[in-house]
Amino acid sequence: MDWLEIVKVSFQIVFWLIISIVTILTYRRARRTILQPIRTEVFKLQLEEMAKVLKIFSGKTEIELRDDYSFEKIFYVNACRMYDDYAEIFFDIKNDPKGRPYNRNECPVSMFSKEYAEENLILMDSHLKDDSSIEQNNEPIDLRVRAARWHKYAYGELHIPKEFSDFEKNLNDLLENPLLPLQLVTQIQSYQYLVAENLTMIGKLLEEKAQEMDDKYPTVEKLQQSSYDWIHTLYVERFKTLKPTADQIALYVRSYFKTDELMNE
């Protein structure tokens, strides 16, 4: 092959190489041009969702975070239910649930422990036993019998106010949005798990302190003068704080959008 042929072949190779490079660069530029408006719209939507997350978690005190879930109300209505159960078992004082703070209008949802559900909930079907033949014993029950019954007491139904359910629904709606980064979803779920642990704590605390009720309130008069303060103090001590996890969520959102860098530019 003479030198003219070598030059010709080399020129063709260079020519096609240049064409290929130009084609690739043109495609990449066109691709960026086409996708950029889509990315911009996605970013705007993501920014809106992230703003909702910040509004929930950023800058709130521990009390405000607990108030989002109405934790004080949860404690109050369930302590009231435990006291009502005690009054009924020991003193035959029966309160109409419709007039109590744990009524179904205020607390439409209940959470049951596995043990309580297995022992107390009846499967609603067509094979229910007819209780009409069971004899009712209206004779006074010995206090020792009442005490024995009470010491088997299990607080397995936790009444949940509608404020809690509404807030949790809003949070779950956010989590269903595919625009939220996976790490943020995981952090919010960790926050929900912490909330669930505190709910469980309230139920266990009330069941634990129920065993001291007959010592503290041996008479109706003592019960009428009672308060929840002695249990509430333990509730405050055992509550797992929400703010550190909430602050981590807010920090992640700010770092994701590099808020500080944007403000300094």
C-alpha atoms as a PDB file:
ATOM      1  CA  MET A   1       0.000   0.000   0.000  1.00  0.00           C
ATOM      2  CA  ASP A   2       1.532   3.323  -1.110  1.00  0.00           C
ATOM      3  CA  TRP A   3       1.472   6.458   0.971  1.00  0.00           C
ATOM      4  CA  LEU A   4      -1.509   7.949  -0.928  1.00  0.00           C
ATOM      5  CA  GLU A   5      -3.626   4.948   0.023  1.00  0.00           C
ATOM      6  CA  ILE A   6      -2.507   5.236   3.641  1.00  0.00           C
ATOM      7  CA  VAL A   7      -3.497   8.909   3.715  1.00  0.00           C
ATOM      8  CA  LYS A   8      -6.885   8.108   2.200  1.00  0.00           C
ATOM      9  CA  VAL A   9      -7.650   5.395   4.758  1.00  0.00           C
ATOM     10  CA  SER A  10      -6.423   7.554   7.620  1.00  0.00           C
ATOM     11  CA  PHE A  11      -8.625  10.442   6.438  1.00  0.00           C
ATOM     12  CA  GLN A  12     -11.681   8.187   6.327  1.00  0.00           C
ATOM     13  CA  ILE A  13     -10.994   6.912   9.855  1.00  0.00           C
ATOM     14  CA  VAL A  14     -10.585  10.442  11.175  1.00  0.00           C
ATOM     15  CA  PHE A  15     -13.699  11.592   9.306  1.00  0.00           C
ATOM     16  CA  TRP A  16     -15.927   8.863  10.737  1.00  0.00           C
ATOM     17  CA  LEU A  17     -14.443   9.352  14.180  1.00  0.00           C
ATOM     18  CA  ILE A  18     -15.307  13.056  14.071  1.00  0.00           C
ATOM     19  CA  ILE A  19     -18.819  12.277  12.794  1.00  0.00           C
ATOM     20  CA  SER A  20     -19.342   9.785  15.631  1.00  0.00           C
ATOM     21  CA  ILE A  21     -18.162  12.255  18.279  1.00  0.00           C
ATOM     22  CA  VAL A  22     -20.343  15.042  16.876  1.00  0.00           C
ATOM     23  CA  THR A  23     -23.336  12.681  16.768  1.00  0.00           C
ATOM     24  CA  ILE A  24     -22.841  11.579  20.391  1.00  0.00           C
ATOM     25  CA  LEU A  25     -22.395  15.140  21.646  1.00  0.00           C
ATOM     26  CA  THR A  26     -25.431  16.301  19.673  1.00  0.00           C
ATOM     27  CA  TYR A  27     -27.515  13.470  21.130  1.00  0.00           C
ATOM     28  CA  ARG A  28     -26.406  14.218  24.671  1.00  0.00           C
ATOM     29  CA  ARG A  29     -27.134  17.912  24.257  1.00  0.00           C
ATOM     30  CA  ALA A  30     -30.534  17.195  22.731  1.00  0.00           C
ATOM     31  CA  ARG A  31     -31.290  14.727  25.501  1.00  0.00           C
ATOM     32  CA  ARG A  32     -30.472  17.316  28.157  1.00  0.00           C
ATOM     33  CA  THR A  33     -32.567  19.899  26.344  1.00  0.00           C
ATOM     34  CA  ILE A  34     -35.569  17.594  26.144  1.00  0.00           C
ATOM     35  CA  LEU A  35     -35.325  16.268  29.699  1.00  0.00           C
ATOM     36  CA  GLN A  36     -34.507  19.526  31.414  1.00  0.00           C
ATOM     37  CA  PRO A  37     -38.134  20.809  31.511  1.00  0.00           C
ATOM     38  CA  ILE A  38     -39.234  17.444  32.915  1.00  0.00           C
ATOM     39  CA  ARG A  39     -36.529  17.560  35.584  1.00  0.00           C
ATOM     40  CA  THR A  40     -37.530  21.107  36.463  1.00  0.00           C
ATOM     41  CA  GLU A  41     -41.179  20.120  36.964  1.00  0.00           C
ATOM     42  CA  VAL A  42     -40.216  17.086  39.028  1.00  0.00           C
ATOM     43  CA  PHE A  43     -37.954  19.282  41.169  1.00  0.00           C
ATOM     44  CA  LYS A  44     -40.801  21.734  41.754  1.00  0.00           C
ATOM     45  CA  LEU A  45     -43.148  18.946  42.841  1.00  0.00           C
ATOM     46  CA  GLN A  46     -40.461  17.437  45.050  1.00  0.00           C
ATOM     47  CA  LEU A  47     -39.843  20.838  46.615  1.00  0.00           C
ATOM     48  CA  GLU A  48     -43.543  21.125  47.488  1.00  0.00           C
ATOM     49  CA  GLU A  49     -43.535  17.714  49.190  1.00  0.00           C
ATOM     50  CA  MET A  50     -40.320  18.450  51.055  1.00  0.00           C
ATOM     51  CA  ALA A  51     -41.826  21.740  52.262  1.00  0.00           C
ATOM     52  CA  LYS A  52     -44.709  19.745  53.799  1.00  0.00           C
ATOM     53  CA  VAL A  53     -42.200  17.544  55.612  1.00  0.00           C
ATOM     54  CA  LEU A  54     -40.352  20.592  56.957  1.00  0.00           C
ATOM     55  CA  LYS A  55     -43.614  22.114  58.164  1.00  0.00           C
ATOM     56  CA  ILE A  56     -44.316  18.978  60.202  1.00  0.00           C
ATOM     57  CA  PHE A  57     -40.888  18.456  61.747  1.00  0.00           C
ATOM     58  CA  SER A  58     -38.842  21.663  61.638  1.00  0.00           C
ATOM     59  CA  GLY A  59     -38.513  24.101  64.528  1.00  0.00           C
ATOM     60  CA  LYS A  60     -40.978  22.372  66.856  1.00  0.00           C
ATOM     61  CA  THR A  61     -40.473  21.812  70.551  1.00  0.00           C
ATOM     62  CA  GLU A  62     -40.894  18.387  72.121  1.00  0.00           C
ATOM     63  CA  ILE A  63     -44.305  19.432  73.473  1.00  0.00           C
ATOM     64  CA  GLU A  64     -45.474  20.566  70.026  1.00  0.00           C
ATOM     65  CA  LEU A  65     -44.376  17.292  68.453  1.00  0.00           C
ATOM     66  CA  ARG A  66     -46.299  15.325  71.088  1.00  0.00           C
ATOM     67  CA  ASP A  67     -49.328  17.562  70.605  1.00  0.00           C
ATOM     68  CA  ASP A  68     -49.372  16.629  66.899  1.00  0.00           C
ATOM     69  CA  TYR A  69     -50.339  13.143  68.058  1.00  0.00           C
ATOM     70  CA  SER A  70     -52.395  14.295  71.072  1.00  0.00           C
ATOM     71  CA  PHE A  71     -50.318  12.154  73.428  1.00  0.00           C
ATOM     72  CA  GLU A  72     -51.597  13.921  76.551  1.00  0.00           C
ATOM     73  CA  LYS A  73     -55.154  13.123  75.490  1.00  0.00           C
ATOM     74  CA  ILE A  74     -54.178   9.522  74.803  1.00  0.00           C
ATOM     75  CA  PHE A  75     -52.837   9.204  78.326  1.00  0.00           C
ATOM     76  CA  TYR A  76     -55.870  10.922  79.857  1.00  0.00           C
ATOM     77  CA  VAL A  77     -58.606   8.943  78.105  1.00  0.00           C
ATOM     78  CA  ASN A  78     -56.911   5.606  78.738  1.00  0.00           C
ATOM     79  CA  ALA A  79     -56.185   6.381  82.393  1.00  0.00           C
ATOM     80  CA  CYS A  80     -59.872   7.264  82.715  1.00  0.00           C
ATOM     81  CA  ARG A  81     -60.826   3.913  81.187  1.00  0.00           C
ATOM     82  CA  MET A  82     -58.575   2.007  83.587  1.00  0.00           C
ATOM     83  CA  TYR A  83     -60.072   3.850  86.581  1.00  0.00           C
ATOM     84  CA  ASP A  84     -63.588   3.124  85.288  1.00  0.00           C
ATOM     85  CA  ASP A  85     -62.741  -0.571  84.990  1.00  0.00           C
ATOM     86  CA  TYR A  86     -61.511  -0.535  88.580  1.00  0.00           C
ATOM     87  CA  ALA A  87     -64.658   1.215  89.804  1.00  0.00           C
ATOM     88  CA  GLU A  88     -66.837  -1.368  88.082  1.00  0.00           C
ATOM     89  CA  ILE A  89     -64.965  -4.437  89.319  1.00  0.00           C
ATOM     90  CA  PHE A  90     -64.517  -3.261  92.916  1.00  0.00           C
ATOM     91  CA  PHE A  91     -67.564  -1.092  93.576  1.00  0.00           C
ATOM     92  CA  ASP A  92     -70.112  -1.995  90.868  1.00  0.00           C
ATOM     93  CA  ILE A  93     -69.964   1.580  89.542  1.00  0.00           C
ATOM     94  CA  LYS A  94     -70.779   1.421  85.855  1.00  0.00           C
ATOM     95  CA  ASN A  95     -70.258   4.433  83.602  1.00  0.00           C
ATOM     96  CA  ASP A  96     -71.921   4.769  80.225  1.00  0.00           C
ATOM     97  CA  PRO A  97     -69.034   4.707  77.678  1.00  0.00           C
ATOM     98  CA  LYS A  98     -70.908   7.211  75.496  1.00  0.00           C
ATOM     99  CA  GLY A  99     -70.425   9.861  78.162  1.00  0.00           C
ATOM    100  CA  ARG A 100     -66.787   9.102  78.888  1.00  0.00           C
ATOM    101  CA  PRO A 101     -63.727  10.676  77.170  1.00  0.00           C
ATOM    102  CA  TYR A 102     -62.905   7.361  75.487  1.00  0.00           C
ATOM    103  CA  ASN A 103     -66.272   7.253  73.673  1.00  0.00           C
ATOM    104  CA  ARG A 104     -66.283   6.184  70.027  1.00  0.00           C
ATOM    105  CA  ASN A 105     -66.891   9.668  68.693  1.00  0.00           C
ATOM    106  CA  GLU A 106     -63.755  11.023  70.352  1.00  0.00           C
ATOM    107  CA  CYS A 107     -61.736   7.826  70.027  1.00  0.00           C
ATOM    108  CA  PRO A 108     -62.997   5.919  66.976  1.00  0.00           C
ATOM    109  CA  VAL A 109     -59.961   3.618  66.819  1.00  0.00           C
ATOM    110  CA  SER A 110     -58.559   1.119  69.319  1.00  0.00           C
ATOM    111  CA  MET A 111     -55.274  -0.748  69.407  1.00  0.00           C
ATOM    112  CA  PHE A 112     -55.339  -4.212  70.961  1.00  0.00           C
ATOM    113  CA  SER A 113     -52.508  -6.256  72.362  1.00  0.00           C
ATOM    114  CA  LYS A 114     -52.284  -9.747  70.900  1.00  0.00           C
ATOM    115  CA  GLU A 115     -53.027 -11.416  74.236  1.00  0.00           C
ATOM    116  CA  TYR A 116     -56.039  -9.191  74.943  1.00  0.00           C
ATOM    117  CA  ALA A 117     -57.487  -9.726  71.483  1.00  0.00           C
ATOM    118  CA  GLU A 118     -57.198 -13.506  71.724  1.00  0.00           C
ATOM    119  CA  GLU A 119     -58.890 -13.577  75.136  1.00  0.00           C
ATOM    120  CA  ASN A 120     -61.586 -10.911  74.817  1.00  0.00           C
ATOM    121  CA  LEU A 121     -62.585 -10.371  71.183  1.00  0.00           C
ATOM    122  CA  ILE A 122     -65.370 -12.570  69.812  1.00  0.00           C
ATOM    123  CA  LEU A 123     -65.441 -13.592  66.176  1.00  0.00           C
ATOM    124  CA  MET A 124     -68.636 -12.103  64.768  1.00  0.00           C
ATOM    125  CA  ASP A 125     -70.231 -14.878  62.721  1.00  0.00           C
ATOM    126  CA  SER A 126     -73.350 -17.014  62.708  1.00  0.00           C
ATOM    127  CA  HIS A 127     -71.980 -19.514  65.212  1.00  0.00           C
ATOM    128  CA  LEU A 128     -72.074 -17.389  68.352  1.00  0.00           C
ATOM    129  CA  LYS A 129     -73.067 -19.169  71.526  1.00  0.00           C
ATOM    130  CA  ASP A 130     -76.485 -18.378  72.960  1.00  0.00           C
ATOM    131  CA  ASP A 131     -75.912 -16.851  76.420  1.00  0.00           C
ATOM    132  CA  SER A 132     -79.587 -16.676  77.334  1.00  0.00           C
ATOM    133  CA  SER A 133     -79.339 -19.801  79.469  1.00  0.00           C
ATOM    134  CA  ILE A 134     -76.483 -18.506  81.639  1.00  0.00           C
ATOM    135  CA  GLU A 135     -77.647 -17.749  85.170  1.00  0.00           C
ATOM    136  CA  GLN A 136     -76.833 -14.323  86.515  1.00  0.00           C
ATOM    137  CA  ASN A 137     -75.571 -14.200  90.093  1.00  0.00           C
ATOM    138  CA  ASN A 138     -76.619 -10.884  91.675  1.00  0.00           C
ATOM    139  CA  GLU A 139     -75.297 -11.678  95.147  1.00  0.00           C
ATOM    140  CA  PRO A 140     -72.593  -9.384  96.563  1.00  0.00           C
ATOM    141  CA  ILE A 141     -69.114 -10.510  95.618  1.00  0.00           C
ATOM    142  CA  ASP A 142     -66.524 -10.882  98.356  1.00  0.00           C
ATOM    143  CA  LEU A 143     -63.796  -8.205  98.241  1.00  0.00           C
ATOM    144  CA  ARG A 144     -61.167 -10.928  98.117  1.00  0.00           C
ATOM    145  CA  VAL A 145     -62.807 -12.296  94.981  1.00  0.00           C
ATOM    146  CA  ARG A 146     -62.893  -8.826  93.477  1.00  0.00           C
ATOM    147  CA  ALA A 147     -59.219  -8.335  94.318  1.00  0.00           C
ATOM    148  CA  ALA A 148     -58.356 -11.655  92.713  1.00  0.00           C
ATOM    149  CA  ARG A 149     -60.248 -10.652  89.581  1.00  0.00           C
ATOM    150  CA  TRP A 150     -58.537  -7.265  89.503  1.00  0.00           C
ATOM    151  CA  HIS A 151     -55.062  -8.715  89.814  1.00  0.00           C
ATOM    152  CA  LYS A 152     -55.712 -10.625  86.595  1.00  0.00           C
ATOM    153  CA  TYR A 153     -56.641  -7.362  84.926  1.00  0.00           C
ATOM    154  CA  ALA A 154     -54.918  -6.654  81.609  1.00  0.00           C
ATOM    155  CA  TYR A 155     -55.131  -3.267  79.921  1.00  0.00           C
ATOM    156  CA  GLY A 156     -55.083  -4.537  76.356  1.00  0.00           C
ATOM    157  CA  GLU A 157     -57.293  -1.990  74.548  1.00  0.00           C
ATOM    158  CA  LEU A 158     -55.703   1.389  73.925  1.00  0.00           C
ATOM    159  CA  HIS A 159     -58.204   4.052  72.853  1.00  0.00           C
ATOM    160  CA  ILE A 160     -56.856   6.319  70.102  1.00  0.00           C
ATOM    161  CA  PRO A 161     -58.271   9.858  69.650  1.00  0.00           C
ATOM    162  CA  LYS A 162     -59.214  10.955  66.159  1.00  0.00           C
ATOM    163  CA  GLU A 163     -56.534  13.669  66.276  1.00  0.00           C
ATOM    164  CA  PHE A 164     -53.894  10.940  66.355  1.00  0.00           C
ATOM    165  CA  SER A 165     -55.486   9.034  63.467  1.00  0.00           C
ATOM    166  CA  ASP A 166     -55.848  12.181  61.345  1.00  0.00           C
ATOM    167  CA  PHE A 167     -52.221  13.195  61.812  1.00  0.00           C
ATOM    168  CA  GLU A 168     -50.956   9.689  61.111  1.00  0.00           C
ATOM    169  CA  LYS A 169     -53.018   9.554  57.920  1.00  0.00           C
ATOM    170  CA  ASN A 170     -51.471  12.816  56.690  1.00  0.00           C
ATOM    171  CA  LEU A 171     -48.012  11.429  57.362  1.00  0.00           C
ATOM    172  CA  ASN A 172     -48.781   8.171  55.556  1.00  0.00           C
ATOM    173  CA  ASP A 173     -50.109  10.108  52.561  1.00  0.00           C
ATOM    174  CA  LEU A 174     -46.740  11.854  52.371  1.00  0.00           C
ATOM    175  CA  LEU A 175     -44.875   8.551  52.554  1.00  0.00           C
ATOM    176  CA  GLU A 176     -46.847   7.190  49.590  1.00  0.00           C
ATOM    177  CA  ASN A 177     -45.497   9.953  47.348  1.00  0.00           C
ATOM    178  CA  PRO A 178     -42.788   8.454  45.069  1.00  0.00           C
ATOM    179  CA  LEU A 179     -40.995  11.828  44.913  1.00  0.00           C
ATOM    180  CA  LEU A 180     -39.701  11.497  48.486  1.00  0.00           C
ATOM    181  CA  PRO A 181     -36.124  10.162  48.668  1.00  0.00           C
ATOM    182  CA  LEU A 182     -35.866   6.674  50.128  1.00  0.00           C
ATOM    183  CA  GLN A 183     -33.634   7.820  52.992  1.00  0.00           C
ATOM    184  CA  LEU A 184     -36.220  10.409  54.024  1.00  0.00           C
ATOM    185  CA  VAL A 185     -38.990   7.803  53.924  1.00  0.00           C
ATOM    186  CA  THR A 186     -36.888   5.556  56.167  1.00  0.00           C
ATOM    187  CA  GLN A 187     -36.322   8.384  58.659  1.00  0.00           C
ATOM    188  CA  ILE A 188     -40.029   9.221  58.846  1.00  0.00           C
ATOM    189  CA  GLN A 189     -40.864   5.547  59.357  1.00  0.00           C
ATOM    190  CA  SER A 190     -38.352   5.472  62.234  1.00  0.00           C
ATOM    191  CA  TYR A 191     -40.230   8.428  63.730  1.00  0.00           C
ATOM    192  CA  GLN A 192     -43.513   6.524  63.430  1.00  0.00           C
ATOM    193  CA  TYR A 193     -41.919   3.513  65.095  1.00  0.00           C
ATOM    194  CA  LEU A 194     -40.880   5.746  68.003  1.00  0.00           C
ATOM    195  CA  VAL A 195     -44.474   6.973  68.267  1.00  0.00           C
ATOM    196  CA  ALA A 196     -45.710   3.372  68.332  1.00  0.00           C
ATOM    197  CA  GLU A 197     -43.254   2.533  71.127  1.00  0.00           C
ATOM    198  CA  ASN A 198     -44.694   5.349  73.222  1.00  0.00           C
ATOM    199  CA  LEU A 199     -48.216   4.075  72.622  1.00  0.00           C
ATOM    200  CA  THR A 200     -47.161   0.638  73.824  1.00  0.00           C
ATOM    201  CA  MET A 201     -45.509   2.229  76.857  1.00  0.00           C
ATOM    202  CA  ILE A 202     -48.783   3.897  77.882  1.00  0.00           C
ATOM    203  CA  GLY A 203     -50.692   0.614  77.744  1.00  0.00           C
ATOM    204  CA  LYS A 204     -48.027  -1.252  79.730  1.00  0.00           C
ATOM    205  CA  LEU A 205     -47.776   1.548  82.298  1.00  0.00           C
ATOM    206  CA  LEU A 206     -51.524   1.549  82.950  1.00  0.00           C
ATOM    207  CA  GLU A 207     -51.550  -2.238  83.287  1.00  0.00           C
ATOM    208  CA  GLU A 208     -48.615  -2.077  85.701  1.00  0.00           C
ATOM    209  CA  LYS A 209     -50.100   0.675  87.887  1.00  0.00           C
ATOM    210  CA  ALA A 210     -53.532  -0.965  87.882  1.00  0.00           C
ATOM    211  CA  GLN A 211     -52.126  -3.463  90.381  1.00  0.00           C
ATOM    212  CA  GLU A 212     -51.669  -0.656  92.915  1.00  0.00           C
ATOM    213  CA  MET A 213     -55.202   0.703  92.634  1.00  0.00           C
ATOM    214  CA  ASP A 214     -56.752  -1.356  95.455  1.00  0.00           C
ATOM    215  CA  ASP A 215     -54.032  -0.194  97.852  1.00  0.00           C
ATOM    216  CA  LYS A 216     -54.424   3.457  96.900  1.00  0.00           C
ATOM    217  CA  TYR A 217     -58.211   3.497  96.600  1.00  0.00           C
ATOM    218  CA  PRO A 218     -59.738   0.859  98.920  1.00  0.00           C
ATOM    219  CA  THR A 219     -63.033   2.768  99.216  1.00  0.00           C
ATOM    220  CA  VAL A 220     -65.385   4.665  96.949  1.00  0.00           C
ATOM    221  CA  GLU A 221     -64.624   7.858  98.866  1.00  0.00           C
ATOM    222  CA  LYS A 222     -60.891   7.483  98.190  1.00  0.00           C
ATOM    223  CA  LEU A 223     -61.565   6.806  94.538  1.00  0.00           C
ATOM    224  CA  GLN A 224     -63.713   9.925  94.265  1.00  0.00           C
ATOM    225  CA  GLN A 225     -60.763  11.980  95.522  1.00  0.00           C
ATOM    226  CA  SER A 226     -58.273  10.362  93.166  1.00  0.00           C
ATOM    227  CA  SER A 227     -56.150  11.856  90.390  1.00  0.00           C
ATOM    228  CA  TYR A 228     -53.940  10.542  87.607  1.00  0.00           C
ATOM    229  CA  ASP A 229     -50.883  12.552  88.688  1.00  0.00           C
ATOM    230  CA  TRP A 230     -48.969   9.649  90.225  1.00  0.00           C
ATOM    231  CA  ILE A 231     -49.199   7.708  86.966  1.00  0.00           C
ATOM    232  CA  HIS A 232     -48.667  10.759  84.766  1.00  0.00           C
ATOM    233  CA  THR A 233     -45.299  11.405  86.415  1.00  0.00           C
ATOM    234  CA  LEU A 234     -44.104   7.966  85.318  1.00  0.00           C
ATOM    235  CA  TYR A 235     -45.588   8.524  81.861  1.00  0.00           C
ATOM    236  CA  VAL A 236     -43.437  11.639  81.451  1.00  0.00           C
ATOM    237  CA  GLU A 237     -40.327   9.828  82.710  1.00  0.00           C
ATOM    238  CA  ARG A 238     -40.739   6.846  80.382  1.00  0.00           C
ATOM    239  CA  PHE A 239     -41.760   8.743  77.264  1.00  0.00           C
ATOM    240  CA  LYS A 240     -39.159   8.415  74.494  1.00  0.00           C
ATOM    241  CA  THR A 241     -38.468  11.901  73.168  1.00  0.00           C
ATOM    242  CA  LEU A 242     -39.452  12.722  69.588  1.00  0.00           C
ATOM    243  CA  LYS A 243     -37.424  15.871  68.950  1.00  0.00           C
ATOM    244  CA  PRO A 244     -33.996  14.332  68.136  1.00  0.00           C
ATOM    245  CA  THR A 245     -35.510  12.211  65.375  1.00  0.00           C
ATOM    246  CA  ALA A 246     -37.630  15.112  64.116  1.00  0.00           C
ATOM    247  CA  ASP A 247     -34.516  17.318  63.961  1.00  0.00           C
ATOM    248  CA  GLN A 248     -32.687  14.668  61.929  1.00  0.00           C
ATOM    249  CA  ILE A 249     -35.522  14.630  59.414  1.00  0.00           C
ATOM    250  CA  ALA A 250     -35.513  18.425  59.089  1.00  0.00           C
ATOM    251  CA  LEU A 251     -31.717  18.460  58.745  1.00  0.00           C
ATOM    252  CA  TYR A 252     -31.852  15.873  55.968  1.00  0.00           C
ATOM    253  CA  VAL A 253     -34.379  17.933  53.972  1.00  0.00           C
ATOM    254  CA  ARG A 254     -32.264  21.073  54.298  1.00  0.00           C
ATOM    255  CA  SER A 255     -29.062  19.265  53.322  1.00  0.00           C
ATOM    256  CA  TYR A 256     -30.800  17.565  50.385  1.00  0.00           C
ATOM    257  CA  PHE A 257     -31.549  20.943  48.808  1.00  0.00           C
ATOM    258  CA  LYS A 258     -28.291  22.470  50.093  1.00  0.00           C
ATOM    259  CA  THR A 259     -30.263  25.351  51.581  1.00  0.00           C
ATOM    260  CA  ASP A 260     -27.261  26.941  53.305  1.00  0.00           C
ATOM    261  CA  GLU A 261     -25.204  26.926  50.089  1.00  0.00           C
ATOM    262  CA  LEU A 262     -28.011  28.528  48.120  1.00  0.00           C
ATOM    263  CA  MET A 263     -28.405  31.276  50.707  1.00  0.00           C
ATOM    264  CA  ASN A 264     -24.661  32.068  50.568  1.00  0.00           C
ATOM    265  CA  GLU A 265     -24.477  32.337  46.785  1.00  0.00           C
END
